[in-house]
C-alpha atoms as a PDB file:
ATOM      1  CA  UNK A   1       0.324  -0.108   0.253  1.00  0.00           C
ATOM      2  CA  UNK A   2       1.616   3.183  -0.791  1.00  0.00           C
ATOM      3  CA  UNK A   3       1.693   5.970   1.863  1.00  0.00           C
ATOM      4  CA  UNK A   4      -0.803   8.787   2.120  1.00  0.00           C
ATOM      5  CA  UNK A   5       0.138  12.592   2.876  1.00  0.00           C
ATOM      6  CA  UNK A   6      -2.786  13.492   4.352  1.00  0.00           C
ATOM      7  CA  UNK A   7      -1.030  16.520   6.452  1.00  0.00           C
ATOM      8  CA  UNK A   8      -0.210  19.048   3.826  1.00  0.00           C
ATOM      9  CA  UNK A   9      -0.078  22.175   6.475  1.00  0.00           C
ATOM     10  CA  UNK A  10       3.109  23.872   6.632  1.00  0.00           C
ATOM     11  CA  UNK A  11       3.477  22.581  10.235  1.00  0.00           C
ATOM     12  CA  UNK A  12       5.123  19.242  12.069  1.00  0.00           C
ATOM     13  CA  UNK A  13       3.082  17.235  13.482  1.00  0.00           C
ATOM     14  CA  UNK A  14       4.946  15.424  17.048  1.00  0.00           C
ATOM     15  CA  UNK A  15       2.448  13.417  18.082  1.00  0.00           C
ATOM     16  CA  UNK A  16      -0.388  11.294  16.293  1.00  0.00           C
ATOM     17  CA  UNK A  17      -2.721   8.970  18.580  1.00  0.00           C
ATOM     18  CA  UNK A  18      -5.641   6.690  17.133  1.00  0.00           C
ATOM     19  CA  UNK A  19      -8.742   7.031  18.801  1.00  0.00           C
ATOM     20  CA  UNK A  20      -9.833   3.393  20.943  1.00  0.00           C
ATOM     21  CA  UNK A  21     -13.008   2.825  19.682  1.00  0.00           C
ATOM     22  CA  UNK A  22     -13.567   5.662  16.685  1.00  0.00           C
ATOM     23  CA  UNK A  23     -11.939   5.049  13.631  1.00  0.00           C
ATOM     24  CA  UNK A  24      -9.820   8.145  13.543  1.00  0.00           C
ATOM     25  CA  UNK A  25      -6.916   9.441  15.001  1.00  0.00           C
ATOM     26  CA  UNK A  26      -6.271  13.048  15.905  1.00  0.00           C
ATOM     27  CA  UNK A  27      -2.078  15.023  14.964  1.00  0.00           C
ATOM     28  CA  UNK A  28      -0.294  16.909  17.480  1.00  0.00           C
ATOM     29  CA  UNK A  29       0.318  20.124  15.470  1.00  0.00           C
ATOM     30  CA  UNK A  30       2.957  22.035  16.030  1.00  0.00           C
ATOM     31  CA  UNK A  31       0.311  25.296  14.629  1.00  0.00           C
ATOM     32  CA  UNK A  32      -0.891  24.804  18.124  1.00  0.00           C
ATOM     33  CA  UNK A  33      -3.485  23.048  17.571  1.00  0.00           C
ATOM     34  CA  UNK A  34      -5.190  19.129  17.417  1.00  0.00           C
ATOM     35  CA  UNK A  35      -6.242  17.904  14.675  1.00  0.00           C
ATOM     36  CA  UNK A  36      -8.841  14.968  14.009  1.00  0.00           C
ATOM     37  CA  UNK A  37      -8.485  12.193  10.570  1.00  0.00           C
ATOM     38  CA  UNK A  38     -10.666   9.437   9.351  1.00  0.00           C
ATOM     39  CA  UNK A  39      -8.285   6.002  10.046  1.00  0.00           C
ATOM     40  CA  UNK A  40      -9.863   4.616   6.325  1.00  0.00           C
ATOM     41  CA  UNK A  41      -8.388   5.637   3.617  1.00  0.00           C
ATOM     42  CA  UNK A  42      -8.879   8.717   1.997  1.00  0.00           C
ATOM     43  CA  UNK A  43      -8.059   9.723   5.566  1.00  0.00           C
ATOM     44  CA  UNK A  44      -9.167  13.144   5.136  1.00  0.00           C
ATOM     45  CA  UNK A  45      -8.857  15.837   8.142  1.00  0.00           C
ATOM     46  CA  UNK A  46     -12.118  17.031   9.895  1.00  0.00           C
ATOM     47  CA  UNK A  47     -11.573  21.004   8.318  1.00  0.00           C
ATOM     48  CA  UNK A  48     -14.488  21.975  10.418  1.00  0.00           C
ATOM     49  CA  UNK A  49     -13.194  20.251  14.440  1.00  0.00           C
ATOM     50  CA  UNK A  50     -10.441  20.900  15.888  1.00  0.00           C
ATOM     51  CA  UNK A  51      -8.353  21.330  19.706  1.00  0.00           C
ATOM     52  CA  UNK A  52      -6.684  24.915  20.162  1.00  0.00           C
ATOM     53  CA  UNK A  53      -7.238  26.052  23.130  1.00  0.00           C
ATOM     54  CA  UNK A  54      -3.489  24.494  24.218  1.00  0.00           C
ATOM     55  CA  UNK A  55      -0.501  25.879  22.889  1.00  0.00           C
ATOM     56  CA  UNK A  56       2.461  23.769  20.919  1.00  0.00           C
ATOM     57  CA  UNK A  57       5.479  26.450  20.154  1.00  0.00           C
ATOM     58  CA  UNK A  58       8.079  24.348  19.070  1.00  0.00           C
ATOM     59  CA  UNK A  59       7.740  21.919  21.658  1.00  0.00           C
ATOM     60  CA  UNK A  60       7.502  18.365  21.516  1.00  0.00           C
ATOM     61  CA  UNK A  61       3.752  18.085  22.781  1.00  0.00           C
ATOM     62  CA  UNK A  62       2.244  14.818  23.444  1.00  0.00           C
ATOM     63  CA  UNK A  63      -1.735  14.608  23.516  1.00  0.00           C
ATOM     64  CA  UNK A  64      -3.883  10.886  24.733  1.00  0.00           C
ATOM     65  CA  UNK A  65      -6.721   9.853  24.333  1.00  0.00           C
ATOM     66  CA  UNK A  66      -8.779   8.816  28.404  1.00  0.00           C
ATOM     67  CA  UNK A  67      -9.262   4.996  28.382  1.00  0.00           C
ATOM     68  CA  UNK A  68     -13.203   5.665  27.784  1.00  0.00           C
ATOM     69  CA  UNK A  69     -12.401   7.651  24.603  1.00  0.00           C
ATOM     70  CA  UNK A  70     -14.565  10.647  25.857  1.00  0.00           C
ATOM     71  CA  UNK A  71     -11.779  12.776  26.539  1.00  0.00           C
ATOM     72  CA  UNK A  72      -8.730  13.594  24.608  1.00  0.00           C
ATOM     73  CA  UNK A  73      -5.795  15.441  26.972  1.00  0.00           C
ATOM     74  CA  UNK A  74      -3.322  18.000  25.687  1.00  0.00           C
ATOM     75  CA  UNK A  75       0.137  19.372  26.721  1.00  0.00           C
ATOM     76  CA  UNK A  76       0.754  22.637  26.480  1.00  0.00           C
ATOM     77  CA  UNK A  77       3.740  24.885  26.209  1.00  0.00           C
ATOM     78  CA  UNK A  78       2.750  27.116  29.144  1.00  0.00           C
ATOM     79  CA  UNK A  79       2.625  24.511  31.695  1.00  0.00           C
ATOM     80  CA  UNK A  80      -0.635  23.341  32.063  1.00  0.00           C
ATOM     81  CA  UNK A  81      -2.445  20.182  30.897  1.00  0.00           C
ATOM     82  CA  UNK A  82      -5.712  20.868  28.920  1.00  0.00           C
ATOM     83  CA  UNK A  83      -8.691  18.524  28.957  1.00  0.00           C
ATOM     84  CA  UNK A  84     -10.933  18.945  25.923  1.00  0.00           C
ATOM     85  CA  UNK A  85     -14.301  16.959  25.236  1.00  0.00           C
ATOM     86  CA  UNK A  86     -13.550  14.433  22.664  1.00  0.00           C
ATOM     87  CA  UNK A  87     -16.894  15.201  21.252  1.00  0.00           C
ATOM     88  CA  UNK A  88     -17.246  18.588  20.679  1.00  0.00           C
ATOM     89  CA  UNK A  89     -13.770  19.897  21.060  1.00  0.00           C
ATOM     90  CA  UNK A  90     -14.247  22.044  23.655  1.00  0.00           C
ATOM     91  CA  UNK A  91     -12.370  22.606  26.705  1.00  0.00           C
ATOM     92  CA  UNK A  92     -13.878  20.934  30.096  1.00  0.00           C
ATOM     93  CA  UNK A  93     -10.603  21.587  31.971  1.00  0.00           C
ATOM     94  CA  UNK A  94      -7.011  23.279  32.236  1.00  0.00           C
ATOM     95  CA  UNK A  95      -4.806  22.075  35.430  1.00  0.00           C
ATOM     96  CA  UNK A  96      -1.441  24.741  35.261  1.00  0.00           C
ATOM     97  CA  UNK A  97       0.744  21.594  36.036  1.00  0.00           C
ATOM     98  CA  UNK A  98       4.537  22.833  35.520  1.00  0.00           C
ATOM     99  CA  UNK A  99       6.243  26.811  35.270  1.00  0.00           C
ATOM    100  CA  UNK A 100       7.869  25.246  31.938  1.00  0.00           C
ATOM    101  CA  UNK A 101       6.149  23.176  29.190  1.00  0.00           C
ATOM    102  CA  UNK A 102       3.806  20.057  29.996  1.00  0.00           C
ATOM    103  CA  UNK A 103       5.419  17.744  27.302  1.00  0.00           C
ATOM    104  CA  UNK A 104       3.963  14.089  27.724  1.00  0.00           C
ATOM    105  CA  UNK A 105       0.473  13.240  29.918  1.00  0.00           C
ATOM    106  CA  UNK A 106      -0.424   9.457  30.369  1.00  0.00           C
ATOM    107  CA  UNK A 107      -3.481   8.225  31.842  1.00  0.00           C
ATOM    108  CA  UNK A 108      -3.575   5.391  34.408  1.00  0.00           C
ATOM    109  CA  UNK A 109      -5.397   2.114  32.504  1.00  0.00           C
ATOM    110  CA  UNK A 110      -7.179   1.230  35.697  1.00  0.00           C
ATOM    111  CA  UNK A 111      -7.922   4.484  37.137  1.00  0.00           C
ATOM    112  CA  UNK A 112      -9.044   6.811  34.789  1.00  0.00           C
ATOM    113  CA  UNK A 113      -9.139  10.200  37.385  1.00  0.00           C
ATOM    114  CA  UNK A 114      -5.742   9.007  37.239  1.00  0.00           C
ATOM    115  CA  UNK A 115      -2.620  10.735  35.456  1.00  0.00           C
ATOM    116  CA  UNK A 116       0.574  11.569  35.339  1.00  0.00           C
ATOM    117  CA  UNK A 117       2.694  14.134  33.121  1.00  0.00           C
ATOM    118  CA  UNK A 118       6.072  15.536  32.682  1.00  0.00           C
ATOM    119  CA  UNK A 119       7.814  19.085  31.700  1.00  0.00           C
ATOM    120  CA  UNK A 120      10.532  20.308  29.920  1.00  0.00           C
ATOM    121  CA  UNK A 121      12.571  21.297  32.817  1.00  0.00           C
ATOM    122  CA  UNK A 122      12.434  16.846  34.004  1.00  0.00           C
ATOM    123  CA  UNK A 123      10.061  17.392  36.575  1.00  0.00           C
ATOM    124  CA  UNK A 124       6.761  14.842  36.662  1.00  0.00           C
ATOM    125  CA  UNK A 125       3.833  14.705  39.010  1.00  0.00           C
ATOM    126  CA  UNK A 126       0.965  12.282  39.507  1.00  0.00           C
ATOM    127  CA  UNK A 127      -2.774  13.813  39.618  1.00  0.00           C
ATOM    128  CA  UNK A 128      -6.476  12.490  40.259  1.00  0.00           C
END
């Protein structure tokens, strides 16, 4: 199967994640938003829905889905963790986690309200 170029904007994407239940995936863009794509050919980007309250600003910011797929979490260049409603793309919660960029997040697989995050300067914190 030949490769498909699905993202043609002028920004790099430091993170790609498949939705745990739906036929879609998201790509974190250095354009300060997360784009959503269909996971089946022709892999089209949804031009009407994106997650864009957080900042990336050149950092390798990651995103992750909640265990049930209802939330999309993202780190941010402002040191916060953003919780988006996957269906509406609205911010439902924001936690100021670090002084420097929050670059990665992990959701506990058994206790879904527990997350771990790390910052650009190497701090690791657990939130409930």
